[in-house]
Amino acid sequence: MNLTCDELITKYVSWLRERIKITEINNYCEITTPFLDRHNDLLQIYLKKEGTDLFLTDDGYTIRDLNLSGFELNTEKRKKLFDSILNGFGVKLKNDELTIESNPDNFPQKKHNFIQAILAINDLFILSSPNVESFFKEDVEKFLNSYSVRFTPSVKFTGKSGFDHFFDFVIPSSPKNSERVLRTVNKATRQSITSLIFSWNDIKDVRTPNSKMMVFLNDLEFRINPEYIGALKQYSLTPLEWSKREEYLPILLN
């Protein structure tokens, strides 16, 4: 079948129209779109008409879903990303609800912008690996600060091999404890765990006596393979599961 570009666009619009479902709920129209959220569920938005004014809302679903997943807008970087999405699409946040106002003339464009904004905010959960890793590091840093844990961020050590190794935090030694070197791992993989073990074995002999290596693992968003936990312990690295972070305060504070 040799379709022209216009015919392909027409087929796409027809597909889009056929898969949009409208349901009347009280004073709102529930619009079920063919677009999928991160759970592969159809995205739903709600339309309310007040005279010639039209209001679209997600009923708070997007923010609530991110919060339930453990992702919160609690750092400056996240807030800036979030605000840039809202401003870019002309969407407002009211009591955790994403909203946009329109009228019959600009409704198609506003509805399109609203859906794109929801999808973009939804994607904050599955950002590229470097950004997500950075967010988890920020979460750990905020946790350490909230309990007044002493630390130096972003430290570089040169190992026996001559290679430089970068670590997220170092807690200096104290009368009660030795130096603690910390790394954060957002998603543990065989490669990331192997790299950590190599880094520690390369630097531990050039660090202060009895220096320890600890690894914060994000087990809220990703399941941690028990083999990785075992491998860390085998090579004298201490795994710290993020879901149990308060339990580790005694070894972090003292």
C-alpha atoms as a PDB file:
ATOM      1  CA  MET A   1       0.000   0.000   0.000  1.00  0.00           C
ATOM      2  CA  ASN A   2       1.583   3.272  -1.122  1.00  0.00           C
ATOM      3  CA  LEU A   3      -0.030   6.026   0.963  1.00  0.00           C
ATOM      4  CA  THR A   4       0.748   9.705   0.669  1.00  0.00           C
ATOM      5  CA  CYS A   5       1.824  11.710   3.713  1.00  0.00           C
ATOM      6  CA  ASP A   6      -1.625  13.327   3.891  1.00  0.00           C
ATOM      7  CA  GLU A   7      -3.290   9.920   3.864  1.00  0.00           C
ATOM      8  CA  LEU A   8      -1.003   8.667   6.624  1.00  0.00           C
ATOM      9  CA  ILE A   9      -1.840  11.685   8.778  1.00  0.00           C
ATOM     10  CA  THR A  10      -5.551  11.145   8.091  1.00  0.00           C
ATOM     11  CA  LYS A  11      -5.245   7.524   9.193  1.00  0.00           C
ATOM     12  CA  TYR A  12      -3.444   8.602  12.371  1.00  0.00           C
ATOM     13  CA  VAL A  13      -6.139  11.174  13.219  1.00  0.00           C
ATOM     14  CA  SER A  14      -8.830   8.547  12.589  1.00  0.00           C
ATOM     15  CA  TRP A  15      -7.016   6.090  14.852  1.00  0.00           C
ATOM     16  CA  LEU A  16      -6.741   8.757  17.527  1.00  0.00           C
ATOM     17  CA  ARG A  17     -10.422   9.688  17.306  1.00  0.00           C
ATOM     18  CA  GLU A  18     -11.591   6.067  17.407  1.00  0.00           C
ATOM     19  CA  ARG A  19      -9.682   5.353  20.593  1.00  0.00           C
ATOM     20  CA  ILE A  20     -10.778   8.373  22.612  1.00  0.00           C
ATOM     21  CA  LYS A  21     -13.634   7.448  24.947  1.00  0.00           C
ATOM     22  CA  ILE A  22     -15.895   9.962  26.688  1.00  0.00           C
ATOM     23  CA  THR A  23     -17.822   9.244  29.885  1.00  0.00           C
ATOM     24  CA  GLU A  24     -20.051  11.719  31.720  1.00  0.00           C
ATOM     25  CA  ILE A  25     -19.282  11.783  35.468  1.00  0.00           C
ATOM     26  CA  ASN A  26     -21.264  14.332  37.489  1.00  0.00           C
ATOM     27  CA  ASN A  27     -20.265  17.721  36.034  1.00  0.00           C
ATOM     28  CA  TYR A  28     -17.174  16.358  34.302  1.00  0.00           C
ATOM     29  CA  CYS A  29     -16.393  14.531  31.099  1.00  0.00           C
ATOM     30  CA  GLU A  30     -13.906  11.721  31.653  1.00  0.00           C
ATOM     31  CA  ILE A  31     -11.689  11.521  28.564  1.00  0.00           C
ATOM     32  CA  THR A  32      -9.846   8.234  28.131  1.00  0.00           C
ATOM     33  CA  THR A  33      -7.021   8.729  25.652  1.00  0.00           C
ATOM     34  CA  PRO A  34      -5.011   6.114  23.711  1.00  0.00           C
ATOM     35  CA  PHE A  35      -1.798   7.317  25.354  1.00  0.00           C
ATOM     36  CA  LEU A  36      -0.184   5.099  27.993  1.00  0.00           C
ATOM     37  CA  ASP A  37       1.300   6.077  31.333  1.00  0.00           C
ATOM     38  CA  ARG A  38       4.317   4.328  32.850  1.00  0.00           C
ATOM     39  CA  HIS A  39       2.066   1.473  34.066  1.00  0.00           C
ATOM     40  CA  ASN A  40       0.839   0.934  30.479  1.00  0.00           C
ATOM     41  CA  ASP A  41      -2.599   2.152  31.566  1.00  0.00           C
ATOM     42  CA  LEU A  42      -4.616   4.450  29.307  1.00  0.00           C
ATOM     43  CA  LEU A  43      -4.192   8.072  30.323  1.00  0.00           C
ATOM     44  CA  GLN A  44      -7.389   9.720  31.594  1.00  0.00           C
ATOM     45  CA  ILE A  45      -8.132  13.430  31.967  1.00  0.00           C
ATOM     46  CA  TYR A  46     -11.244  15.303  33.032  1.00  0.00           C
ATOM     47  CA  LEU A  47     -13.040  18.210  31.373  1.00  0.00           C
ATOM     48  CA  LYS A  48     -15.365  20.647  33.117  1.00  0.00           C
ATOM     49  CA  LYS A  49     -17.386  23.267  31.253  1.00  0.00           C
ATOM     50  CA  GLU A  50     -18.372  26.574  32.838  1.00  0.00           C
ATOM     51  CA  GLY A  51     -20.073  28.691  30.205  1.00  0.00           C
ATOM     52  CA  THR A  52     -17.478  29.272  27.482  1.00  0.00           C
ATOM     53  CA  ASP A  53     -14.624  28.397  29.826  1.00  0.00           C
ATOM     54  CA  LEU A  54     -13.187  24.890  29.703  1.00  0.00           C
ATOM     55  CA  PHE A  55     -11.050  23.371  32.439  1.00  0.00           C
ATOM     56  CA  LEU A  56      -8.938  20.232  32.153  1.00  0.00           C
ATOM     57  CA  THR A  57      -7.541  18.356  35.155  1.00  0.00           C
ATOM     58  CA  ASP A  58      -5.796  15.057  35.856  1.00  0.00           C
ATOM     59  CA  ASP A  59      -7.577  14.882  39.258  1.00  0.00           C
ATOM     60  CA  GLY A  60      -4.182  14.711  40.972  1.00  0.00           C
ATOM     61  CA  TYR A  61      -3.297  11.296  39.519  1.00  0.00           C
ATOM     62  CA  THR A  62       0.112  12.185  38.056  1.00  0.00           C
ATOM     63  CA  ILE A  63       1.652  13.699  41.203  1.00  0.00           C
ATOM     64  CA  ARG A  64       0.017  11.114  43.463  1.00  0.00           C
ATOM     65  CA  ASP A  65       1.417   8.270  41.361  1.00  0.00           C
ATOM     66  CA  LEU A  66       4.936   9.717  41.432  1.00  0.00           C
ATOM     67  CA  ASN A  67       4.753  10.184  45.201  1.00  0.00           C
ATOM     68  CA  LEU A  68       3.595   6.596  45.705  1.00  0.00           C
ATOM     69  CA  SER A  69       6.542   5.416  43.647  1.00  0.00           C
ATOM     70  CA  GLY A  70       8.918   7.199  46.020  1.00  0.00           C
ATOM     71  CA  PHE A  71       9.656  10.112  43.677  1.00  0.00           C
ATOM     72  CA  GLU A  72       9.102  13.475  45.352  1.00  0.00           C
ATOM     73  CA  LEU A  73       9.684  17.046  44.212  1.00  0.00           C
ATOM     74  CA  ASN A  74      11.961  17.652  47.170  1.00  0.00           C
ATOM     75  CA  THR A  75      15.152  18.941  45.537  1.00  0.00           C
ATOM     76  CA  GLU A  76      15.952  22.086  43.586  1.00  0.00           C
ATOM     77  CA  LYS A  77      16.880  20.143  40.442  1.00  0.00           C
ATOM     78  CA  ARG A  78      13.591  18.238  40.411  1.00  0.00           C
ATOM     79  CA  LYS A  79      11.571  21.396  41.013  1.00  0.00           C
ATOM     80  CA  LYS A  80      13.317  23.178  38.143  1.00  0.00           C
ATOM     81  CA  LEU A  81      12.623  20.288  35.765  1.00  0.00           C
ATOM     82  CA  PHE A  82       9.024  20.111  36.919  1.00  0.00           C
ATOM     83  CA  ASP A  83       8.444  23.870  36.592  1.00  0.00           C
ATOM     84  CA  SER A  84      10.032  23.936  33.138  1.00  0.00           C
ATOM     85  CA  ILE A  85       7.550  21.298  31.964  1.00  0.00           C
ATOM     86  CA  LEU A  86       4.580  23.197  33.409  1.00  0.00           C
ATOM     87  CA  ASN A  87       5.698  26.500  31.925  1.00  0.00           C
ATOM     88  CA  GLY A  88       6.525  24.956  28.560  1.00  0.00           C
ATOM     89  CA  PHE A  89       3.027  23.558  28.132  1.00  0.00           C
ATOM     90  CA  GLY A  90       1.087  26.292  29.955  1.00  0.00           C
ATOM     91  CA  VAL A  91      -0.082  23.945  32.713  1.00  0.00           C
ATOM     92  CA  LYS A  92      -0.671  24.919  36.342  1.00  0.00           C
ATOM     93  CA  LEU A  93      -0.420  22.940  39.582  1.00  0.00           C
ATOM     94  CA  LYS A  94      -3.245  23.391  42.094  1.00  0.00           C
ATOM     95  CA  ASN A  95      -3.241  21.221  45.228  1.00  0.00           C
ATOM     96  CA  ASP A  96      -1.377  18.411  43.411  1.00  0.00           C
ATOM     97  CA  GLU A  97      -3.755  18.626  40.433  1.00  0.00           C
ATOM     98  CA  LEU A  98      -2.406  19.456  36.999  1.00  0.00           C
ATOM     99  CA  THR A  99      -4.809  21.869  35.304  1.00  0.00           C
ATOM    100  CA  ILE A 100      -5.114  23.956  32.169  1.00  0.00           C
ATOM    101  CA  GLU A 101      -7.751  26.459  31.083  1.00  0.00           C
ATOM    102  CA  SER A 102      -9.064  26.843  27.555  1.00  0.00           C
ATOM    103  CA  ASN A 103     -12.021  27.901  25.441  1.00  0.00           C
ATOM    104  CA  PRO A 104     -13.772  26.304  22.455  1.00  0.00           C
ATOM    105  CA  ASP A 105     -11.409  28.009  19.984  1.00  0.00           C
ATOM    106  CA  ASN A 106      -8.115  26.813  21.479  1.00  0.00           C
ATOM    107  CA  PHE A 107      -9.342  23.618  23.153  1.00  0.00           C
ATOM    108  CA  PRO A 108      -7.702  21.158  20.684  1.00  0.00           C
ATOM    109  CA  GLN A 109      -4.264  22.708  21.153  1.00  0.00           C
ATOM    110  CA  LYS A 110      -4.695  23.086  24.925  1.00  0.00           C
ATOM    111  CA  LYS A 111      -5.835  19.474  25.284  1.00  0.00           C
ATOM    112  CA  HIS A 112      -2.841  18.328  23.239  1.00  0.00           C
ATOM    113  CA  ASN A 113      -0.494  20.413  25.415  1.00  0.00           C
ATOM    114  CA  PHE A 114      -2.083  19.033  28.580  1.00  0.00           C
ATOM    115  CA  ILE A 115      -1.576  15.426  27.558  1.00  0.00           C
ATOM    116  CA  GLN A 116       2.023  16.098  26.539  1.00  0.00           C
ATOM    117  CA  ALA A 117       2.701  17.770  29.890  1.00  0.00           C
ATOM    118  CA  ILE A 118       1.284  14.811  31.834  1.00  0.00           C
ATOM    119  CA  LEU A 119       3.380  12.362  29.832  1.00  0.00           C
ATOM    120  CA  ALA A 120       6.502  14.486  30.342  1.00  0.00           C
ATOM    121  CA  ILE A 121       5.944  14.726  34.104  1.00  0.00           C
ATOM    122  CA  ASN A 122       5.169  11.015  34.229  1.00  0.00           C
ATOM    123  CA  ASP A 123       8.550  10.422  32.617  1.00  0.00           C
ATOM    124  CA  LEU A 124      10.295  12.054  35.564  1.00  0.00           C
ATOM    125  CA  PHE A 125      10.146   8.568  37.055  1.00  0.00           C
ATOM    126  CA  ILE A 126      12.050   7.022  34.172  1.00  0.00           C
ATOM    127  CA  LEU A 127      14.542   9.718  33.284  1.00  0.00           C
ATOM    128  CA  SER A 128      17.843   8.782  31.713  1.00  0.00           C
ATOM    129  CA  SER A 129      20.162   6.842  34.002  1.00  0.00           C
ATOM    130  CA  PRO A 130      22.569   9.728  34.768  1.00  0.00           C
ATOM    131  CA  ASN A 131      19.737  11.998  35.898  1.00  0.00           C
ATOM    132  CA  VAL A 132      18.047   9.311  37.967  1.00  0.00           C
ATOM    133  CA  GLU A 133      21.383   8.443  39.545  1.00  0.00           C
ATOM    134  CA  SER A 134      21.837  12.113  40.364  1.00  0.00           C
ATOM    135  CA  PHE A 135      18.376  12.274  41.946  1.00  0.00           C
ATOM    136  CA  PHE A 136      19.092   9.272  44.178  1.00  0.00           C
ATOM    137  CA  LYS A 137      22.375  10.835  45.235  1.00  0.00           C
ATOM    138  CA  GLU A 138      20.457  14.002  46.152  1.00  0.00           C
ATOM    139  CA  ASP A 139      18.029  11.918  48.217  1.00  0.00           C
ATOM    140  CA  VAL A 140      20.918  10.346  50.124  1.00  0.00           C
ATOM    141  CA  GLU A 141      22.551  13.739  50.667  1.00  0.00           C
ATOM    142  CA  LYS A 142      19.305  15.195  51.957  1.00  0.00           C
ATOM    143  CA  PHE A 143      18.940  12.240  54.334  1.00  0.00           C
ATOM    144  CA  LEU A 144      22.464  12.699  55.686  1.00  0.00           C
ATOM    145  CA  ASN A 145      21.894  16.426  56.180  1.00  0.00           C
ATOM    146  CA  SER A 146      18.554  15.884  57.905  1.00  0.00           C
ATOM    147  CA  TYR A 147      20.322  13.896  60.641  1.00  0.00           C
ATOM    148  CA  SER A 148      23.392  16.171  60.756  1.00  0.00           C
ATOM    149  CA  VAL A 149      25.730  13.455  59.528  1.00  0.00           C
ATOM    150  CA  ARG A 150      29.194  14.948  58.900  1.00  0.00           C
ATOM    151  CA  PHE A 151      30.428  14.301  55.372  1.00  0.00           C
ATOM    152  CA  THR A 152      32.448  15.627  52.473  1.00  0.00           C
ATOM    153  CA  PRO A 153      30.695  15.314  49.073  1.00  0.00           C
ATOM    154  CA  SER A 154      32.202  14.282  45.728  1.00  0.00           C
ATOM    155  CA  VAL A 155      35.629  12.975  46.645  1.00  0.00           C
ATOM    156  CA  LYS A 156      38.325  11.565  44.333  1.00  0.00           C
ATOM    157  CA  PHE A 157      40.913   9.005  45.445  1.00  0.00           C
ATOM    158  CA  THR A 158      43.801   7.579  43.433  1.00  0.00           C
ATOM    159  CA  GLY A 159      44.205   3.832  43.798  1.00  0.00           C
ATOM    160  CA  LYS A 160      47.230   1.515  43.698  1.00  0.00           C
ATOM    161  CA  SER A 161      46.668   1.085  39.965  1.00  0.00           C
ATOM    162  CA  GLY A 162      47.065   4.813  39.384  1.00  0.00           C
ATOM    163  CA  PHE A 163      43.402   5.082  38.382  1.00  0.00           C
ATOM    164  CA  ASP A 164      41.245   7.812  39.916  1.00  0.00           C
ATOM    165  CA  HIS A 165      38.023   6.719  41.609  1.00  0.00           C
ATOM    166  CA  PHE A 166      35.172   9.057  42.489  1.00  0.00           C
ATOM    167  CA  PHE A 167      32.979   8.598  45.554  1.00  0.00           C
ATOM    168  CA  ASP A 168      29.778  10.385  46.493  1.00  0.00           C
ATOM    169  CA  PHE A 169      30.496  11.050  50.171  1.00  0.00           C
ATOM    170  CA  VAL A 170      33.174  10.515  52.774  1.00  0.00           C
ATOM    171  CA  ILE A 171      32.373  10.553  56.486  1.00  0.00           C
ATOM    172  CA  PRO A 172      35.604  11.398  58.336  1.00  0.00           C
ATOM    173  CA  SER A 173      36.929   9.283  61.170  1.00  0.00           C
ATOM    174  CA  SER A 174      35.915  10.026  64.746  1.00  0.00           C
ATOM    175  CA  PRO A 175      36.936   8.778  68.197  1.00  0.00           C
ATOM    176  CA  LYS A 176      34.195   6.142  67.849  1.00  0.00           C
ATOM    177  CA  ASN A 177      34.534   5.120  64.205  1.00  0.00           C
ATOM    178  CA  SER A 178      36.937   4.998  61.283  1.00  0.00           C
ATOM    179  CA  GLU A 179      36.580   6.756  57.929  1.00  0.00           C
ATOM    180  CA  ARG A 180      33.518   5.715  55.901  1.00  0.00           C
ATOM    181  CA  VAL A 181      33.494   6.040  52.131  1.00  0.00           C
ATOM    182  CA  LEU A 182      29.996   6.080  50.570  1.00  0.00           C
ATOM    183  CA  ARG A 183      28.710   5.428  47.084  1.00  0.00           C
ATOM    184  CA  THR A 184      25.099   5.535  45.882  1.00  0.00           C
ATOM    185  CA  VAL A 185      23.718   3.001  43.404  1.00  0.00           C
ATOM    186  CA  ASN A 186      20.302   3.781  41.959  1.00  0.00           C
ATOM    187  CA  LYS A 187      19.946   0.509  40.027  1.00  0.00           C
ATOM    188  CA  ALA A 188      22.275  -2.297  40.999  1.00  0.00           C
ATOM    189  CA  THR A 189      23.618  -4.378  38.125  1.00  0.00           C
ATOM    190  CA  ARG A 190      26.401  -6.936  37.910  1.00  0.00           C
ATOM    191  CA  GLN A 191      28.534  -4.335  36.152  1.00  0.00           C
ATOM    192  CA  SER A 192      27.956  -1.594  38.734  1.00  0.00           C
ATOM    193  CA  ILE A 193      28.628  -3.929  41.670  1.00  0.00           C
ATOM    194  CA  THR A 194      31.772  -5.332  40.052  1.00  0.00           C
ATOM    195  CA  SER A 195      33.008  -1.785  39.389  1.00  0.00           C
ATOM    196  CA  LEU A 196      32.415  -0.815  43.028  1.00  0.00           C
ATOM    197  CA  ILE A 197      34.324  -3.824  44.311  1.00  0.00           C
ATOM    198  CA  PHE A 198      37.251  -3.022  42.039  1.00  0.00           C
ATOM    199  CA  SER A 199      37.260   0.647  43.098  1.00  0.00           C
ATOM    200  CA  TRP A 200      37.309  -0.223  46.786  1.00  0.00           C
ATOM    201  CA  ASN A 201      39.999  -2.868  46.452  1.00  0.00           C
ATOM    202  CA  ASP A 202      42.104  -0.401  44.482  1.00  0.00           C
ATOM    203  CA  ILE A 203      41.956   2.368  47.121  1.00  0.00           C
ATOM    204  CA  LYS A 204      41.498   0.674  50.496  1.00  0.00           C
ATOM    205  CA  ASP A 205      45.204   0.085  51.098  1.00  0.00           C
ATOM    206  CA  VAL A 206      46.036   3.732  50.448  1.00  0.00           C
ATOM    207  CA  ARG A 207      43.305   5.026  52.782  1.00  0.00           C
ATOM    208  CA  THR A 208      43.485   5.428  56.555  1.00  0.00           C
ATOM    209  CA  PRO A 209      43.655   2.226  58.624  1.00  0.00           C
ATOM    210  CA  ASN A 210      40.295   0.463  59.112  1.00  0.00           C
ATOM    211  CA  SER A 211      38.595   2.694  56.505  1.00  0.00           C
ATOM    212  CA  LYS A 212      35.229   1.273  55.463  1.00  0.00           C
ATOM    213  CA  MET A 213      33.248   1.296  52.225  1.00  0.00           C
ATOM    214  CA  MET A 214      29.441   1.563  52.340  1.00  0.00           C
ATOM    215  CA  VAL A 215      27.005   1.411  49.434  1.00  0.00           C
ATOM    216  CA  PHE A 216      23.494   2.903  49.478  1.00  0.00           C
ATOM    217  CA  LEU A 217      21.286   0.741  47.243  1.00  0.00           C
ATOM    218  CA  ASN A 218      17.939   2.026  45.948  1.00  0.00           C
ATOM    219  CA  ASP A 219      15.674  -0.923  46.793  1.00  0.00           C
ATOM    220  CA  LEU A 220      12.468   1.127  46.698  1.00  0.00           C
ATOM    221  CA  GLU A 221      12.354   1.410  42.920  1.00  0.00           C
ATOM    222  CA  PHE A 222      14.422  -1.627  41.932  1.00  0.00           C
ATOM    223  CA  ARG A 223      14.690  -5.122  43.385  1.00  0.00           C
ATOM    224  CA  ILE A 224      18.203  -5.892  44.604  1.00  0.00           C
ATOM    225  CA  ASN A 225      19.558  -9.273  43.537  1.00  0.00           C
ATOM    226  CA  PRO A 226      20.666 -11.131  46.729  1.00  0.00           C
ATOM    227  CA  GLU A 227      23.806 -12.203  44.862  1.00  0.00           C
ATOM    228  CA  TYR A 228      24.885  -8.558  44.667  1.00  0.00           C
ATOM    229  CA  ILE A 229      24.417  -8.139  48.417  1.00  0.00           C
ATOM    230  CA  GLY A 230      26.507 -11.255  48.981  1.00  0.00           C
ATOM    231  CA  ALA A 231      29.243 -10.076  46.624  1.00  0.00           C
ATOM    232  CA  LEU A 232      29.551  -6.726  48.394  1.00  0.00           C
ATOM    233  CA  LYS A 233      29.828  -8.387  51.785  1.00  0.00           C
ATOM    234  CA  GLN A 234      32.334 -10.934  50.459  1.00  0.00           C
ATOM    235  CA  TYR A 235      34.700  -8.100  49.546  1.00  0.00           C
ATOM    236  CA  SER A 236      34.113  -6.186  52.804  1.00  0.00           C
ATOM    237  CA  LEU A 237      31.751  -3.534  51.392  1.00  0.00           C
ATOM    238  CA  THR A 238      28.706  -2.771  53.538  1.00  0.00           C
ATOM    239  CA  PRO A 239      25.386  -2.673  51.622  1.00  0.00           C
ATOM    240  CA  LEU A 240      22.834  -0.158  52.943  1.00  0.00           C
ATOM    241  CA  GLU A 241      19.285  -0.656  51.676  1.00  0.00           C
ATOM    242  CA  TRP A 242      17.548   2.674  51.165  1.00  0.00           C
ATOM    243  CA  SER A 243      14.254   1.400  52.594  1.00  0.00           C
ATOM    244  CA  LYS A 244      16.040   0.735  55.917  1.00  0.00           C
ATOM    245  CA  ARG A 245      18.155   3.897  55.977  1.00  0.00           C
ATOM    246  CA  GLU A 246      17.162   4.977  59.507  1.00  0.00           C
ATOM    247  CA  GLU A 247      18.522   1.694  60.849  1.00  0.00           C
ATOM    248  CA  TYR A 248      22.023   2.655  59.706  1.00  0.00           C
ATOM    249  CA  LEU A 249      22.164   5.968  61.545  1.00  0.00           C
ATOM    250  CA  PRO A 250      24.330   4.615  64.400  1.00  0.00           C
ATOM    251  CA  ILE A 251      27.129   3.670  61.976  1.00  0.00           C
ATOM    252  CA  LEU A 252      26.762   6.928  60.061  1.00  0.00           C
ATOM    253  CA  LEU A 253      26.565   9.366  62.968  1.00  0.00           C
ATOM    254  CA  ASN A 254      29.238   8.039  65.332  1.00  0.00           C
END
